N, C-alpha and C. Protein backbone atom coordinates (compact mmCIF):
# COMPACT_ATOMS: atom_id res chain seq x y z
N MET A 1 157.71 89.78 115.57
CA MET A 1 158.33 89.86 117.43
C MET A 1 156.75 89.38 117.96
N ALA A 2 156.84 89.03 119.17
CA ALA A 2 155.61 89.45 120.23
C ALA A 2 155.37 90.33 120.22
N SER A 3 153.91 90.40 120.83
CA SER A 3 154.09 91.81 121.69
C SER A 3 154.59 92.25 122.99
N ASP A 4 154.93 93.53 122.93
CA ASP A 4 155.34 93.77 124.02
C ASP A 4 155.59 93.22 124.86
N HIS A 5 153.67 93.53 125.47
CA HIS A 5 153.24 93.23 127.05
C HIS A 5 153.67 91.37 127.30
N LEU A 6 153.95 90.55 127.03
CA LEU A 6 154.81 89.74 127.03
C LEU A 6 156.08 89.78 127.41
N TYR A 7 156.68 90.59 127.15
CA TYR A 7 158.39 90.73 127.21
C TYR A 7 158.31 91.39 128.87
N VAL A 8 157.53 92.21 129.06
CA VAL A 8 157.39 92.96 130.24
C VAL A 8 157.56 92.04 131.96
N PRO A 9 156.81 90.79 132.04
CA PRO A 9 156.85 90.48 132.94
C PRO A 9 158.41 89.71 133.25
N PHE A 10 158.83 89.67 132.47
CA PHE A 10 160.29 88.78 132.48
C PHE A 10 161.37 90.30 132.71
N ILE A 11 161.06 90.66 132.69
CA ILE A 11 162.01 92.23 133.02
C ILE A 11 161.72 92.78 134.34
N GLU A 12 160.51 92.97 134.21
CA GLU A 12 159.99 93.20 135.54
C GLU A 12 160.80 91.99 137.07
N SER A 13 160.22 90.81 136.75
CA SER A 13 160.86 89.40 137.30
C SER A 13 162.35 89.72 137.61
N VAL A 14 163.28 90.39 136.77
CA VAL A 14 164.47 90.28 136.86
C VAL A 14 164.63 91.25 137.65
N LYS A 15 164.24 92.50 137.55
CA LYS A 15 164.38 93.42 137.90
C LYS A 15 164.36 93.29 139.83
N ASN A 16 163.73 92.83 139.97
CA ASN A 16 162.43 92.40 141.56
C ASN A 16 163.50 90.91 141.67
N THR A 17 163.91 90.29 141.52
CA THR A 17 164.45 88.91 141.97
C THR A 17 165.69 89.67 141.97
N PHE A 18 166.38 90.38 141.30
CA PHE A 18 167.70 90.62 141.95
C PHE A 18 167.50 91.35 143.25
N ARG A 19 166.90 92.42 143.17
CA ARG A 19 166.84 93.33 143.95
C ARG A 19 166.56 92.53 145.90
N LYS A 20 165.26 91.36 145.24
CA LYS A 20 165.26 90.57 146.39
C LYS A 20 165.80 90.01 147.18
N ASN A 21 166.37 88.96 146.12
CA ASN A 21 167.44 87.70 146.49
C ASN A 21 169.05 88.33 146.64
N ALA A 22 169.55 89.16 146.16
CA ALA A 22 171.07 90.02 145.71
C ALA A 22 171.23 91.19 146.28
N ASP A 23 169.73 92.13 146.86
CA ASP A 23 170.36 92.75 147.07
C ASP A 23 170.92 94.09 145.76
N ILE A 24 170.57 93.42 144.76
CA ILE A 24 171.11 93.96 143.56
C ILE A 24 170.51 94.89 142.79
N GLU A 25 170.58 96.17 142.65
CA GLU A 25 169.45 97.11 141.75
C GLU A 25 170.37 97.03 140.26
N ILE A 26 169.13 96.78 139.26
CA ILE A 26 169.22 96.75 137.88
C ILE A 26 168.92 97.90 137.19
N CYS A 27 169.68 98.73 136.27
CA CYS A 27 170.13 100.32 135.21
C CYS A 27 169.67 99.17 133.83
N ILE A 28 168.69 99.97 133.48
CA ILE A 28 168.35 99.21 131.71
C ILE A 28 169.10 100.20 131.15
N GLU A 29 170.33 99.64 130.82
CA GLU A 29 170.99 100.51 129.62
C GLU A 29 170.40 100.58 128.40
N ARG A 30 170.65 99.82 127.78
CA ARG A 30 169.86 100.14 126.68
C ARG A 30 168.57 99.22 126.42
N SER A 31 167.45 99.66 125.76
CA SER A 31 165.91 99.18 125.99
C SER A 31 165.56 97.64 125.05
N PHE A 32 164.69 97.51 124.87
CA PHE A 32 164.72 95.82 124.03
C PHE A 32 165.12 96.57 122.58
N TYR A 33 165.82 95.62 121.90
CA TYR A 33 166.48 95.49 120.09
C TYR A 33 166.57 94.88 119.72
N THR A 34 166.21 94.14 118.78
CA THR A 34 166.03 93.12 118.21
C THR A 34 167.32 92.52 117.84
N GLN A 35 167.55 90.93 118.18
CA GLN A 35 169.04 90.92 117.66
C GLN A 35 168.65 89.22 117.42
N ASN A 36 169.51 88.89 116.04
CA ASN A 36 169.27 88.08 115.29
C ASN A 36 170.33 87.28 114.89
N ASP A 37 171.93 87.63 115.55
CA ASP A 37 173.01 87.11 115.03
C ASP A 37 172.90 86.56 117.26
N ASP A 38 174.29 85.48 116.84
CA ASP A 38 174.47 84.51 117.92
C ASP A 38 175.12 86.13 118.83
N ILE A 39 174.96 85.30 119.96
CA ILE A 39 175.28 85.61 121.66
C ILE A 39 176.35 85.37 121.63
N ARG A 40 177.48 86.67 121.99
CA ARG A 40 178.93 86.18 123.03
C ARG A 40 178.33 86.16 124.25
N SER A 41 178.22 84.87 124.69
CA SER A 41 178.34 85.43 126.13
C SER A 41 179.15 86.13 127.08
N LEU A 42 178.56 86.61 128.79
CA LEU A 42 179.72 87.87 129.43
C LEU A 42 179.97 86.93 130.28
N GLY A 43 179.78 85.61 130.23
CA GLY A 43 180.63 84.81 131.56
C GLY A 43 179.54 83.93 131.64
N VAL A 44 178.35 84.06 132.33
CA VAL A 44 177.39 83.05 132.71
C VAL A 44 176.08 82.58 132.13
N ALA A 45 175.72 82.11 131.45
CA ALA A 45 174.44 82.36 130.99
C ALA A 45 173.11 81.06 131.65
N SER A 46 171.86 81.26 131.21
CA SER A 46 171.45 80.18 131.92
C SER A 46 169.89 80.46 130.78
N ILE A 47 169.79 79.47 130.43
CA ILE A 47 168.75 79.43 129.42
C ILE A 47 167.53 78.54 130.09
N ILE A 48 166.02 79.06 129.46
CA ILE A 48 164.96 78.62 129.74
C ILE A 48 164.16 78.40 129.23
N ASN A 49 163.59 77.13 128.70
CA ASN A 49 162.60 77.13 127.38
C ASN A 49 161.01 77.08 128.14
N PHE A 50 160.36 77.27 127.27
CA PHE A 50 158.86 77.17 128.12
C PHE A 50 157.81 76.90 127.18
N PHE A 51 157.11 76.73 127.22
CA PHE A 51 156.14 75.84 125.82
C PHE A 51 154.31 76.00 126.70
N GLY A 52 153.35 77.01 125.72
CA GLY A 52 151.96 76.70 125.84
C GLY A 52 151.61 77.26 125.01
N LYS A 53 149.77 78.22 125.64
CA LYS A 53 149.67 79.09 124.06
C LYS A 53 150.59 79.66 123.66
N VAL A 54 152.07 80.11 124.79
CA VAL A 54 153.02 81.10 124.03
C VAL A 54 153.85 80.64 124.50
N LYS A 55 155.06 80.29 123.62
CA LYS A 55 156.32 79.24 123.95
C LYS A 55 157.69 80.38 123.23
N GLY A 56 158.80 80.20 124.18
CA GLY A 56 159.84 80.36 123.77
C GLY A 56 160.99 80.31 124.66
N ARG A 57 161.78 81.33 124.83
CA ARG A 57 162.77 81.05 125.13
C ARG A 57 163.43 82.35 126.01
N PHE A 58 163.91 82.17 127.66
CA PHE A 58 164.48 82.79 128.75
C PHE A 58 165.81 82.96 128.29
N LEU A 59 166.83 84.19 128.00
CA LEU A 59 168.14 84.00 128.75
C LEU A 59 168.57 84.96 129.32
N ILE A 60 169.30 84.67 130.01
CA ILE A 60 169.95 85.73 131.22
C ILE A 60 171.50 85.46 131.02
N ASP A 61 172.12 86.50 130.88
CA ASP A 61 173.53 86.13 130.36
C ASP A 61 174.35 87.48 131.40
N MET A 62 175.55 86.82 132.94
CA MET A 62 176.39 87.93 133.64
C MET A 62 177.92 87.92 133.14
N GLU A 63 177.94 89.01 133.52
CA GLU A 63 179.84 88.87 133.87
C GLU A 63 179.91 88.08 135.23
N LYS A 64 181.33 87.62 135.23
CA LYS A 64 181.71 86.56 136.02
C LYS A 64 181.39 87.57 138.09
N GLU A 65 181.84 88.61 137.24
CA GLU A 65 181.68 89.85 139.03
C GLU A 65 180.26 89.37 139.59
N LEU A 66 179.27 90.09 138.54
CA LEU A 66 177.71 90.00 139.54
C LEU A 66 177.85 88.48 139.38
N ILE A 67 177.96 88.03 139.08
CA ILE A 67 178.25 86.04 139.55
C ILE A 67 177.95 86.27 140.81
N PHE A 68 179.56 86.10 140.65
CA PHE A 68 180.25 86.24 142.26
C PHE A 68 178.96 86.87 143.46
N ALA A 69 179.10 87.95 143.08
CA ALA A 69 177.81 89.01 144.12
C ALA A 69 176.67 88.18 144.05
N VAL A 70 176.49 87.64 143.54
CA VAL A 70 174.59 87.16 143.83
C VAL A 70 175.23 85.56 144.12
N ALA A 71 176.21 84.88 144.30
CA ALA A 71 176.33 83.54 144.89
C ALA A 71 176.97 83.78 146.11
N LYS A 72 177.42 85.16 146.64
CA LYS A 72 178.00 85.21 147.86
C LYS A 72 176.65 85.45 148.44
N LYS A 73 175.28 86.25 147.85
CA LYS A 73 174.42 86.96 148.65
C LYS A 73 173.71 85.53 148.97
N MET A 74 173.28 84.82 147.75
CA MET A 74 172.19 83.35 147.81
C MET A 74 173.18 82.86 149.11
N ASN A 75 174.45 82.87 148.83
CA ASN A 75 175.21 81.40 150.32
C ASN A 75 175.91 81.94 151.46
N GLY A 76 176.17 83.74 151.08
CA GLY A 76 177.09 83.51 152.41
C GLY A 76 178.22 83.53 152.43
N ALA A 77 178.50 82.56 151.27
CA ALA A 77 180.14 82.86 151.03
C ALA A 77 181.25 83.15 149.77
N ASP A 78 182.65 83.76 149.70
CA ASP A 78 183.02 83.87 148.70
C ASP A 78 183.25 82.66 147.87
N PHE A 79 183.81 83.23 146.37
CA PHE A 79 183.73 81.87 145.38
C PHE A 79 184.97 82.79 144.85
N ASP A 80 186.13 81.59 143.96
CA ASP A 80 186.79 81.89 143.31
C ASP A 80 186.52 81.44 141.55
N SER A 81 185.53 80.94 141.29
CA SER A 81 185.85 80.18 140.03
C SER A 81 184.11 80.42 139.78
N GLU A 82 183.88 80.50 138.53
CA GLU A 82 182.44 80.71 137.84
C GLU A 82 181.86 79.25 137.76
N ASN A 83 183.10 78.69 137.74
CA ASN A 83 182.63 77.23 137.36
C ASN A 83 182.46 76.57 139.07
N GLU A 84 182.08 76.88 139.73
CA GLU A 84 182.28 76.11 141.17
C GLU A 84 180.57 75.74 141.19
N TYR A 85 180.33 74.81 142.02
CA TYR A 85 179.05 74.20 142.31
C TYR A 85 177.85 74.94 142.06
N MET A 86 178.65 75.58 143.07
CA MET A 86 177.41 76.61 144.56
C MET A 86 177.57 78.03 143.50
N VAL A 87 178.27 78.29 142.72
CA VAL A 87 177.81 79.28 141.95
C VAL A 87 176.93 78.89 141.11
N LEU A 88 177.23 78.04 140.21
CA LEU A 88 176.45 77.69 139.45
C LEU A 88 175.30 77.44 139.30
N GLU A 89 174.29 76.47 140.89
CA GLU A 89 173.44 76.44 141.51
C GLU A 89 172.74 78.05 141.70
N SER A 90 173.45 79.22 141.67
CA SER A 90 172.72 80.15 142.19
C SER A 90 172.03 80.65 141.09
N VAL A 91 173.00 80.60 140.26
CA VAL A 91 172.24 81.32 138.47
C VAL A 91 171.35 80.30 138.65
N GLN A 92 171.19 79.09 138.71
CA GLN A 92 170.03 78.26 137.92
C GLN A 92 168.68 78.29 139.18
N THR A 93 169.34 78.61 140.64
CA THR A 93 168.07 79.57 141.04
C THR A 93 167.69 80.44 140.26
N LEU A 94 168.40 81.95 140.50
CA LEU A 94 167.90 82.76 140.29
C LEU A 94 167.22 83.00 138.67
N SER A 95 167.58 82.05 137.97
CA SER A 95 166.95 82.02 136.48
C SER A 95 165.70 81.20 137.06
N LYS A 96 165.47 80.24 138.03
CA LYS A 96 164.24 79.87 138.16
C LYS A 96 163.26 80.63 138.69
N ILE A 97 163.75 81.50 139.77
CA ILE A 97 162.80 81.98 140.49
C ILE A 97 162.10 83.24 139.26
N ILE A 98 163.31 84.15 138.34
CA ILE A 98 163.12 84.95 137.55
C ILE A 98 161.35 84.76 136.43
N ALA A 99 162.30 83.23 136.03
CA ALA A 99 161.22 82.89 134.98
C ALA A 99 159.99 82.36 135.99
N GLY A 100 159.83 82.07 136.79
CA GLY A 100 158.05 81.47 137.44
C GLY A 100 157.68 82.80 137.29
N ASN A 101 158.75 83.46 138.02
CA ASN A 101 157.73 84.72 138.39
C ASN A 101 157.22 85.80 136.75
N ALA A 102 157.98 84.92 136.24
CA ALA A 102 157.20 85.88 134.73
C ALA A 102 156.29 85.00 134.36
N ILE A 103 156.13 83.89 134.25
CA ILE A 103 155.69 82.76 133.84
C ILE A 103 154.07 82.58 134.40
N ASP A 104 154.02 82.65 135.70
CA ASP A 104 153.00 83.02 136.91
C ASP A 104 152.27 84.19 136.16
N GLU A 105 152.95 85.24 136.05
CA GLU A 105 152.27 85.73 135.59
C GLU A 105 151.34 86.27 134.17
N LEU A 106 151.94 85.58 133.42
CA LEU A 106 151.28 85.33 132.15
C LEU A 106 150.06 84.84 132.21
N ASN A 107 150.53 83.39 133.13
CA ASN A 107 149.44 82.43 132.94
C ASN A 107 148.22 82.88 133.75
N ASN A 108 148.34 84.04 134.78
CA ASN A 108 147.09 84.57 135.81
C ASN A 108 146.77 85.87 134.47
N LEU A 109 147.97 87.00 133.92
CA LEU A 109 147.21 88.03 133.02
C LEU A 109 146.42 87.00 131.99
N TYR A 110 146.54 86.07 130.89
CA TYR A 110 146.37 85.72 129.61
C TYR A 110 145.98 84.16 129.68
N LEU A 111 145.67 83.48 131.09
CA LEU A 111 145.26 82.23 130.68
C LEU A 111 146.38 81.27 129.92
N ALA A 112 147.44 81.68 129.84
CA ALA A 112 148.38 80.91 128.82
C ALA A 112 148.83 79.50 128.56
N GLU A 113 148.72 79.20 130.26
CA GLU A 113 148.89 78.03 130.42
C GLU A 113 150.72 77.70 129.67
N ILE A 114 151.39 78.22 130.45
CA ILE A 114 152.62 78.10 130.40
C ILE A 114 153.78 77.18 130.99
N LYS A 115 154.58 76.21 130.99
CA LYS A 115 154.91 75.15 131.55
C LYS A 115 156.82 75.95 131.34
N ALA A 116 157.65 76.07 132.01
CA ALA A 116 158.80 76.08 131.82
C ALA A 116 159.49 74.78 132.01
N ALA A 117 160.50 74.41 131.11
CA ALA A 117 161.64 73.14 131.06
C ALA A 117 162.46 74.03 132.47
N PRO A 118 163.59 72.74 132.68
CA PRO A 118 164.76 73.70 133.68
C PRO A 118 165.11 74.50 132.97
N PRO A 119 166.50 74.46 134.23
CA PRO A 119 167.42 75.84 133.43
C PRO A 119 168.57 74.91 132.57
N ILE A 120 169.37 75.46 131.95
CA ILE A 120 170.62 74.75 131.11
C ILE A 120 171.42 75.88 131.87
N VAL A 121 172.35 75.82 132.17
CA VAL A 121 173.12 76.71 132.66
C VAL A 121 174.82 76.81 132.06
N LEU A 122 175.45 77.64 131.78
CA LEU A 122 176.46 77.53 130.53
C LEU A 122 177.58 78.51 131.50
N GLU A 123 178.65 78.09 130.99
CA GLU A 123 179.74 79.05 131.99
C GLU A 123 180.98 79.24 130.46
N GLY A 124 181.68 80.25 130.32
CA GLY A 124 182.40 80.58 129.17
C GLY A 124 182.71 82.10 128.82
N LYS A 125 183.41 82.58 128.94
CA LYS A 125 183.55 84.06 128.49
C LYS A 125 183.27 83.66 126.48
N ASP A 126 182.60 84.75 126.13
CA ASP A 126 182.92 84.83 124.85
C ASP A 126 182.29 83.72 124.02
N ALA A 127 181.78 82.31 124.63
CA ALA A 127 180.78 81.37 123.89
C ALA A 127 179.84 81.85 123.03
N LEU A 128 179.50 81.42 122.39
CA LEU A 128 178.36 81.53 121.51
C LEU A 128 177.16 81.22 121.27
N ILE A 129 176.36 81.94 122.14
CA ILE A 129 174.67 81.69 122.41
C ILE A 129 173.50 81.33 121.04
N THR A 130 173.75 80.51 120.41
CA THR A 130 172.60 80.48 119.37
C THR A 130 171.28 80.74 119.11
N VAL A 131 171.26 81.84 118.57
CA VAL A 131 169.78 82.78 118.66
C VAL A 131 168.34 81.60 118.39
N PRO A 132 167.13 81.67 119.09
CA PRO A 132 166.39 80.77 118.10
C PRO A 132 165.89 81.30 116.90
N LYS A 133 164.65 80.43 115.86
CA LYS A 133 164.86 81.02 114.77
C LYS A 133 163.67 81.92 115.19
N VAL A 134 162.88 82.16 116.03
CA VAL A 134 161.97 82.72 116.61
C VAL A 134 162.85 84.19 116.85
N GLU A 135 161.98 85.60 116.06
CA GLU A 135 163.02 86.62 116.36
C GLU A 135 163.09 87.43 117.79
N PRO A 136 164.34 87.47 118.63
CA PRO A 136 164.37 87.45 119.77
C PRO A 136 164.34 88.73 119.93
N VAL A 137 164.48 89.68 121.28
CA VAL A 137 164.62 90.60 121.71
C VAL A 137 165.56 90.95 123.06
N SER A 138 166.27 91.67 122.87
CA SER A 138 167.64 91.61 124.30
C SER A 138 167.50 93.26 124.69
N MET A 139 168.14 92.63 126.08
CA MET A 139 167.61 94.10 126.85
C MET A 139 169.43 94.43 127.49
N ASP A 140 170.08 95.00 127.47
CA ASP A 140 171.10 94.90 128.01
C ASP A 140 171.07 96.27 129.38
N CYS A 141 171.79 95.46 130.38
CA CYS A 141 171.78 96.27 132.04
C CYS A 141 172.96 96.08 132.80
N THR A 142 173.07 97.32 133.79
CA THR A 142 174.02 97.39 134.50
C THR A 142 173.49 97.11 135.75
N THR A 143 175.07 97.17 136.72
CA THR A 143 174.68 96.94 138.27
C THR A 143 175.94 97.64 138.60
N SER A 144 175.88 97.49 140.01
CA SER A 144 177.04 97.96 140.40
C SER A 144 177.54 97.23 140.64
N CYS A 145 177.66 95.89 140.23
CA CYS A 145 178.66 94.42 140.19
C CYS A 145 178.92 94.09 138.30
N GLY A 146 178.28 94.40 138.30
CA GLY A 146 178.83 93.91 136.33
C GLY A 146 177.50 94.20 135.69
N ARG A 147 177.71 94.16 134.42
CA ARG A 147 176.59 93.85 133.23
C ARG A 147 175.95 92.55 133.43
N LEU A 148 174.63 92.62 132.67
CA LEU A 148 174.18 91.23 132.19
C LEU A 148 173.04 91.89 131.51
N LYS A 149 172.51 90.32 130.18
CA LYS A 149 172.02 90.62 129.31
C LYS A 149 171.12 89.88 129.39
N ILE A 150 169.70 90.23 129.27
CA ILE A 150 168.36 89.51 128.87
C ILE A 150 167.81 89.45 127.13
N ASN A 151 167.69 87.87 127.29
CA ASN A 151 166.75 88.16 125.51
C ASN A 151 166.29 86.84 126.22
N ILE A 152 165.11 87.53 125.03
CA ILE A 152 163.78 86.40 125.15
C ILE A 152 163.47 86.06 123.37
N ALA A 153 162.69 85.34 123.59
CA ALA A 153 161.86 84.93 122.10
C ALA A 153 160.90 84.09 122.51
N ILE A 154 159.01 84.86 122.29
CA ILE A 154 158.46 84.70 121.95
C ILE A 154 157.85 84.21 120.96
N GLU A 155 156.72 83.10 120.57
CA GLU A 155 156.25 83.11 119.54
C GLU A 155 154.37 82.64 120.13
N GLU A 156 153.62 83.15 119.86
CA GLU A 156 152.27 83.19 120.31
C GLU A 156 151.55 81.84 119.34
N ASP A 157 150.79 81.15 120.25
CA ASP A 157 150.04 80.63 119.78
C ASP A 157 148.55 80.93 119.84
N ASN A 158 148.31 82.14 119.21
CA ASN A 158 147.09 82.78 119.43
C ASN A 158 145.67 82.18 119.07
N THR A 159 145.52 81.16 119.24
CA THR A 159 144.56 81.09 118.46
C THR A 159 142.97 80.66 118.55
N THR A 160 142.87 82.05 120.12
CA THR A 160 141.38 82.34 120.31
C THR A 160 141.38 83.73 120.38
N GLY A 161 143.11 84.50 119.96
CA GLY A 161 142.62 85.89 119.77
C GLY A 161 142.62 86.59 121.00
N GLU A 162 142.77 86.21 122.07
CA GLU A 162 143.02 86.78 123.40
C GLU A 162 143.99 87.95 123.92
N TYR A 163 144.91 87.80 123.02
CA TYR A 163 146.19 88.62 123.36
C TYR A 163 146.65 89.43 122.64
């Protein structure tokens, strides 16, 4: 498992981004725990891979009620289905903001030269998401609109010993 300080920017970014962009407060239900088995999706998940001196994957998985609340706040409209274009686009935008802020912080703190790939958005309750070979950690959270799971896998390429 990577050093805990590499995960913190992602968690802080999740909390700040939900508060700022959707007016939703995140409550941590269960702190970091190792999750080596496949993840059953809560409804809609977004995965962003990143690479550089630190590489890995950031996954955020949300119940559809939470997705609808986020999409409504971001778009000013109600939605009936989690696979509507603007709902999925809202998830993609939210995950890009979260990962972008976290990666910027890691780059500023550690000169990690991290770049992110575009997000992949998956829709489907109980869809299986395979965990990467690198040992991932998860964190379970709740909001007034529904549950979410954060899953982060980080592999350090620490050739300089600076982390």
